[in-house]
Amino acid sequence: MAKPLIVNVIELLRWPGSSKDIAVEVAADDFEFEDARIVSEPIAIAVHMEAITNGVSVSGVAHAAWAGECRRCLTPLRELMQVEFDEMYQPTVHDDEAYEIENDQINLLPMVRENILLALPLGPLCREDCPGFCLHCGADLAQTQCGCVSVASDPRWAVLDALKDVLDDPS
């Protein structure tokens, strides 16, 4: 794995309260995502690092492009996502969720990689009200109306369905 996001933090560790800002673009291939949804384009990363008494607080944002298809209608999707992160780096890790500072340097690559992978949508939609396909004829309901009658009937409710037809509707 390439190391384009290694930052020397020796000065930060000497002076709690000091800070450092970094803005870079890193090739997606350097992250070795092994996920076909990540588009092979540079990932823009802006990071603010602040020294605290027990380590370095790292916060920032990464912009990465992803591609996939709508889970309902299979329309191809391609979007730019914004991933915000706020993590801790410590010389001796005391917090289970902190990353280690090694040789007065921090490697931001694994942290940014993890946050991007966690932010990927598992079931993306082209739009919130995407109707998908007709269950009977397979027509794309976003493009056309089909004449199929969709009756979702559960035989366990048959007695109540029969009562519904017998009783008067009060409204």
C-alpha atoms as a PDB file:
ATOM      1  CA  MET A   1       0.000   0.000   0.000  1.00  0.00           C
ATOM      2  CA  ALA A   2       1.356   3.420  -0.940  1.00  0.00           C
ATOM      3  CA  LYS A   3       1.917   5.918   1.867  1.00  0.00           C
ATOM      4  CA  PRO A   4       0.806   9.327   0.501  1.00  0.00           C
ATOM      5  CA  LEU A   5      -0.906  10.384   3.745  1.00  0.00           C
ATOM      6  CA  ILE A   6       1.870  10.036   6.298  1.00  0.00           C
ATOM      7  CA  VAL A   7       2.171  13.213   8.360  1.00  0.00           C
ATOM      8  CA  ASN A   8       4.996  14.098  10.727  1.00  0.00           C
ATOM      9  CA  VAL A   9       3.422  15.259  14.011  1.00  0.00           C
ATOM     10  CA  ILE A  10       6.489  15.666  16.220  1.00  0.00           C
ATOM     11  CA  GLU A  11       5.935  19.447  16.477  1.00  0.00           C
ATOM     12  CA  LEU A  12       2.268  18.923  17.352  1.00  0.00           C
ATOM     13  CA  LEU A  13       3.147  16.444  20.089  1.00  0.00           C
ATOM     14  CA  ARG A  14       5.578  18.938  21.673  1.00  0.00           C
ATOM     15  CA  TRP A  15       2.998  21.721  21.916  1.00  0.00           C
ATOM     16  CA  PRO A  16      -0.506  20.713  23.061  1.00  0.00           C
ATOM     17  CA  GLY A  17      -3.010  23.136  21.562  1.00  0.00           C
ATOM     18  CA  SER A  18      -1.068  23.583  18.331  1.00  0.00           C
ATOM     19  CA  SER A  19      -2.718  22.639  15.051  1.00  0.00           C
ATOM     20  CA  LYS A  20      -1.951  21.760  11.461  1.00  0.00           C
ATOM     21  CA  ASP A  21      -4.142  21.756   8.358  1.00  0.00           C
ATOM     22  CA  ILE A  22      -3.664  19.593   5.290  1.00  0.00           C
ATOM     23  CA  ALA A  23      -5.562  19.557   1.997  1.00  0.00           C
ATOM     24  CA  VAL A  24      -4.550  16.956  -0.595  1.00  0.00           C
ATOM     25  CA  GLU A  25      -5.872  14.841  -3.419  1.00  0.00           C
ATOM     26  CA  VAL A  26      -4.952  11.173  -3.334  1.00  0.00           C
ATOM     27  CA  ALA A  27      -5.492   8.650  -6.128  1.00  0.00           C
ATOM     28  CA  ALA A  28      -8.215   6.126  -5.292  1.00  0.00           C
ATOM     29  CA  ASP A  29      -5.819   3.324  -6.260  1.00  0.00           C
ATOM     30  CA  ASP A  30      -3.534   4.290  -3.336  1.00  0.00           C
ATOM     31  CA  PHE A  31      -6.295   3.270  -0.922  1.00  0.00           C
ATOM     32  CA  GLU A  32      -6.615  -0.245  -2.403  1.00  0.00           C
ATOM     33  CA  PHE A  33     -10.351  -0.256  -1.703  1.00  0.00           C
ATOM     34  CA  GLU A  34     -11.069  -3.630  -3.356  1.00  0.00           C
ATOM     35  CA  ASP A  35     -14.654  -2.394  -3.768  1.00  0.00           C
ATOM     36  CA  ALA A  36     -15.994  -1.947  -7.301  1.00  0.00           C
ATOM     37  CA  ARG A  37     -18.340   0.831  -6.151  1.00  0.00           C
ATOM     38  CA  ILE A  38     -15.491   3.329  -5.634  1.00  0.00           C
ATOM     39  CA  VAL A  39     -14.773   5.266  -8.830  1.00  0.00           C
ATOM     40  CA  SER A  40     -11.096   5.428  -9.723  1.00  0.00           C
ATOM     41  CA  GLU A  41     -10.782   9.208  -9.390  1.00  0.00           C
ATOM     42  CA  PRO A  42      -8.686  11.315  -7.027  1.00  0.00           C
ATOM     43  CA  ILE A  43     -10.155  11.653  -3.538  1.00  0.00           C
ATOM     44  CA  ALA A  44     -10.023  15.165  -2.094  1.00  0.00           C
ATOM     45  CA  ILE A  45      -9.146  15.221   1.602  1.00  0.00           C
ATOM     46  CA  ALA A  46      -9.079  18.192   3.976  1.00  0.00           C
ATOM     47  CA  VAL A  47      -7.771  17.486   7.486  1.00  0.00           C
ATOM     48  CA  HIS A  48      -7.418  19.586  10.640  1.00  0.00           C
ATOM     49  CA  MET A  49      -5.075  18.128  13.261  1.00  0.00           C
ATOM     50  CA  GLU A  50      -4.920  19.472  16.792  1.00  0.00           C
ATOM     51  CA  ALA A  51      -2.549  18.368  19.521  1.00  0.00           C
ATOM     52  CA  ILE A  52      -4.097  17.465  22.845  1.00  0.00           C
ATOM     53  CA  THR A  53      -2.462  16.151  26.002  1.00  0.00           C
ATOM     54  CA  ASN A  54      -2.792  12.450  25.113  1.00  0.00           C
ATOM     55  CA  GLY A  55      -2.442  12.528  21.330  1.00  0.00           C
ATOM     56  CA  VAL A  56      -3.656  14.238  18.185  1.00  0.00           C
ATOM     57  CA  SER A  57      -7.281  14.870  17.298  1.00  0.00           C
ATOM     58  CA  VAL A  58      -7.883  14.561  13.561  1.00  0.00           C
ATOM     59  CA  SER A  59     -11.047  15.867  11.953  1.00  0.00           C
ATOM     60  CA  GLY A  60     -11.891  16.573   8.370  1.00  0.00           C
ATOM     61  CA  VAL A  61     -13.740  15.639   5.255  1.00  0.00           C
ATOM     62  CA  ALA A  62     -13.094  13.465   2.216  1.00  0.00           C
ATOM     63  CA  HIS A  63     -14.879  13.671  -1.138  1.00  0.00           C
ATOM     64  CA  ALA A  64     -15.029  10.431  -3.103  1.00  0.00           C
ATOM     65  CA  ALA A  65     -17.048   9.347  -6.137  1.00  0.00           C
ATOM     66  CA  TRP A  66     -18.974   6.077  -6.114  1.00  0.00           C
ATOM     67  CA  ALA A  67     -20.986   4.234  -8.730  1.00  0.00           C
ATOM     68  CA  GLY A  68     -23.669   1.600  -8.463  1.00  0.00           C
ATOM     69  CA  GLU A  69     -27.244   0.946  -9.448  1.00  0.00           C
ATOM     70  CA  CYS A  70     -30.608   1.694  -7.926  1.00  0.00           C
ATOM     71  CA  ARG A  71     -31.796  -1.229  -5.831  1.00  0.00           C
ATOM     72  CA  ARG A  72     -35.355  -0.926  -7.184  1.00  0.00           C
ATOM     73  CA  CYS A  73     -35.069  -0.081 -10.892  1.00  0.00           C
ATOM     74  CA  LEU A  74     -31.384  -0.864 -11.637  1.00  0.00           C
ATOM     75  CA  THR A  75     -30.723   2.618 -13.052  1.00  0.00           C
ATOM     76  CA  PRO A  76     -26.960   3.302 -13.102  1.00  0.00           C
ATOM     77  CA  LEU A  77     -25.928   5.799 -10.416  1.00  0.00           C
ATOM     78  CA  ARG A  78     -22.793   7.860  -9.988  1.00  0.00           C
ATOM     79  CA  GLU A  79     -22.485  10.347  -7.153  1.00  0.00           C
ATOM     80  CA  LEU A  80     -19.929  12.273  -5.158  1.00  0.00           C
ATOM     81  CA  MET A  81     -20.156  11.615  -1.443  1.00  0.00           C
ATOM     82  CA  GLN A  82     -18.851  13.763   1.363  1.00  0.00           C
ATOM     83  CA  VAL A  83     -17.480  11.797   4.302  1.00  0.00           C
ATOM     84  CA  GLU A  84     -16.793  13.596   7.561  1.00  0.00           C
ATOM     85  CA  PHE A  85     -14.524  12.057  10.166  1.00  0.00           C
ATOM     86  CA  ASP A  86     -13.295  12.832  13.665  1.00  0.00           C
ATOM     87  CA  GLU A  87     -10.680  10.436  15.010  1.00  0.00           C
ATOM     88  CA  MET A  88      -7.966  10.237  17.644  1.00  0.00           C
ATOM     89  CA  TYR A  89      -4.310   9.270  17.251  1.00  0.00           C
ATOM     90  CA  GLN A  90      -2.234   8.379  20.333  1.00  0.00           C
ATOM     91  CA  PRO A  91       1.460   7.484  20.830  1.00  0.00           C
ATOM     92  CA  THR A  92       0.397   4.669  23.165  1.00  0.00           C
ATOM     93  CA  VAL A  93      -3.142   3.627  22.371  1.00  0.00           C
ATOM     94  CA  HIS A  94      -5.368   3.880  25.445  1.00  0.00           C
ATOM     95  CA  ASP A  95      -8.679   4.176  23.630  1.00  0.00           C
ATOM     96  CA  ASP A  96      -9.901   1.135  21.666  1.00  0.00           C
ATOM     97  CA  GLU A  97     -11.043   3.367  18.806  1.00  0.00           C
ATOM     98  CA  ALA A  98      -7.829   5.390  18.524  1.00  0.00           C
ATOM     99  CA  TYR A  99      -5.131   4.938  15.911  1.00  0.00           C
ATOM    100  CA  GLU A 100      -1.467   4.635  16.800  1.00  0.00           C
ATOM    101  CA  ILE A 101       1.186   7.286  16.237  1.00  0.00           C
ATOM    102  CA  GLU A 102       4.283   5.459  15.000  1.00  0.00           C
ATOM    103  CA  ASN A 103       7.737   7.096  15.005  1.00  0.00           C
ATOM    104  CA  ASP A 104       6.174  10.544  15.528  1.00  0.00           C
ATOM    105  CA  GLN A 105       4.159  10.083  12.331  1.00  0.00           C
ATOM    106  CA  ILE A 106       0.524   9.318  11.665  1.00  0.00           C
ATOM    107  CA  ASN A 107      -0.749   7.452   8.662  1.00  0.00           C
ATOM    108  CA  LEU A 108      -4.100   8.942   7.674  1.00  0.00           C
ATOM    109  CA  LEU A 109      -4.655   6.499   4.804  1.00  0.00           C
ATOM    110  CA  PRO A 110      -6.225   3.596   6.788  1.00  0.00           C
ATOM    111  CA  MET A 111      -8.498   5.961   8.719  1.00  0.00           C
ATOM    112  CA  VAL A 112      -9.770   7.749   5.609  1.00  0.00           C
ATOM    113  CA  ARG A 113     -10.169   4.401   3.833  1.00  0.00           C
ATOM    114  CA  GLU A 114     -12.298   2.955   6.654  1.00  0.00           C
ATOM    115  CA  ASN A 115     -14.518   6.033   6.857  1.00  0.00           C
ATOM    116  CA  ILE A 116     -15.137   6.056   3.095  1.00  0.00           C
ATOM    117  CA  LEU A 117     -15.993   2.356   3.017  1.00  0.00           C
ATOM    118  CA  LEU A 118     -18.398   2.745   5.951  1.00  0.00           C
ATOM    119  CA  ALA A 119     -20.126   5.677   4.222  1.00  0.00           C
ATOM    120  CA  LEU A 120     -20.886   3.790   0.998  1.00  0.00           C
ATOM    121  CA  PRO A 121     -24.640   3.268   0.581  1.00  0.00           C
ATOM    122  CA  LEU A 122     -25.648  -0.392   0.902  1.00  0.00           C
ATOM    123  CA  GLY A 123     -28.915  -0.059  -1.042  1.00  0.00           C
ATOM    124  CA  PRO A 124     -28.779   3.129  -3.096  1.00  0.00           C
ATOM    125  CA  LEU A 125     -31.898   4.592  -4.687  1.00  0.00           C
ATOM    126  CA  CYS A 126     -32.082   6.791  -7.767  1.00  0.00           C
ATOM    127  CA  ARG A 127     -34.727   8.792  -5.866  1.00  0.00           C
ATOM    128  CA  GLU A 128     -36.626   8.234  -2.625  1.00  0.00           C
ATOM    129  CA  ASP A 129     -39.948   7.491  -4.347  1.00  0.00           C
ATOM    130  CA  CYS A 130     -38.530   5.138  -6.991  1.00  0.00           C
ATOM    131  CA  PRO A 131     -41.380   2.704  -7.815  1.00  0.00           C
ATOM    132  CA  GLY A 132     -39.105   0.005  -9.268  1.00  0.00           C
ATOM    133  CA  PHE A 133     -40.455  -2.752 -11.523  1.00  0.00           C
ATOM    134  CA  CYS A 134     -43.900  -4.335 -11.710  1.00  0.00           C
ATOM    135  CA  LEU A 135     -43.826  -7.655  -9.877  1.00  0.00           C
ATOM    136  CA  HIS A 136     -45.984  -9.307 -12.550  1.00  0.00           C
ATOM    137  CA  CYS A 137     -44.907  -8.026 -15.979  1.00  0.00           C
ATOM    138  CA  GLY A 138     -41.523  -6.448 -15.170  1.00  0.00           C
ATOM    139  CA  ALA A 139     -42.380  -2.988 -16.554  1.00  0.00           C
ATOM    140  CA  ASP A 140     -40.341  -0.072 -15.242  1.00  0.00           C
ATOM    141  CA  LEU A 141     -42.988   1.805 -13.258  1.00  0.00           C
ATOM    142  CA  ALA A 142     -40.980   5.043 -13.413  1.00  0.00           C
ATOM    143  CA  GLN A 143     -41.311   5.021 -17.225  1.00  0.00           C
ATOM    144  CA  THR A 144     -44.740   3.516 -17.824  1.00  0.00           C
ATOM    145  CA  GLN A 145     -47.950   2.369 -16.168  1.00  0.00           C
ATOM    146  CA  CYS A 146     -48.854  -1.278 -16.547  1.00  0.00           C
ATOM    147  CA  GLY A 147     -52.315  -2.830 -16.355  1.00  0.00           C
ATOM    148  CA  CYS A 148     -51.387  -5.467 -13.829  1.00  0.00           C
ATOM    149  CA  VAL A 149     -53.500  -5.783 -10.717  1.00  0.00           C
ATOM    150  CA  SER A 150     -51.359  -6.038  -7.635  1.00  0.00           C
ATOM    151  CA  VAL A 151     -53.217  -7.817  -4.913  1.00  0.00           C
ATOM    152  CA  ALA A 152     -51.035  -8.724  -2.015  1.00  0.00           C
ATOM    153  CA  SER A 153     -53.258 -11.217  -0.308  1.00  0.00           C
ATOM    154  CA  ASP A 154     -52.224 -13.276   2.647  1.00  0.00           C
ATOM    155  CA  PRO A 155     -54.469 -16.314   3.190  1.00  0.00           C
ATOM    156  CA  ARG A 156     -54.239 -15.814   6.945  1.00  0.00           C
ATOM    157  CA  TRP A 157     -56.241 -12.589   6.553  1.00  0.00           C
ATOM    158  CA  ALA A 158     -58.919 -14.071   4.262  1.00  0.00           C
ATOM    159  CA  VAL A 159     -61.605 -14.122   6.979  1.00  0.00           C
ATOM    160  CA  LEU A 160     -61.038 -10.440   7.752  1.00  0.00           C
ATOM    161  CA  ASP A 161     -61.037  -9.563   4.048  1.00  0.00           C
ATOM    162  CA  ALA A 162     -64.452 -11.248   3.747  1.00  0.00           C
ATOM    163  CA  LEU A 163     -65.744  -9.226   6.707  1.00  0.00           C
ATOM    164  CA  LYS A 164     -64.524  -6.020   5.122  1.00  0.00           C
ATOM    165  CA  ASP A 165     -66.832  -6.620   2.152  1.00  0.00           C
ATOM    166  CA  VAL A 166     -69.835  -7.377   4.404  1.00  0.00           C
ATOM    167  CA  LEU A 167     -69.541  -4.435   6.816  1.00  0.00           C
ATOM    168  CA  ASP A 168     -70.665  -0.944   5.906  1.00  0.00           C
ATOM    169  CA  ASP A 169     -67.981   1.692   5.490  1.00  0.00           C
ATOM    170  CA  PRO A 170     -68.701   4.477   8.076  1.00  0.00           C
ATOM    171  CA  SER A 171     -66.855   7.116   6.055  1.00  0.00           C
END
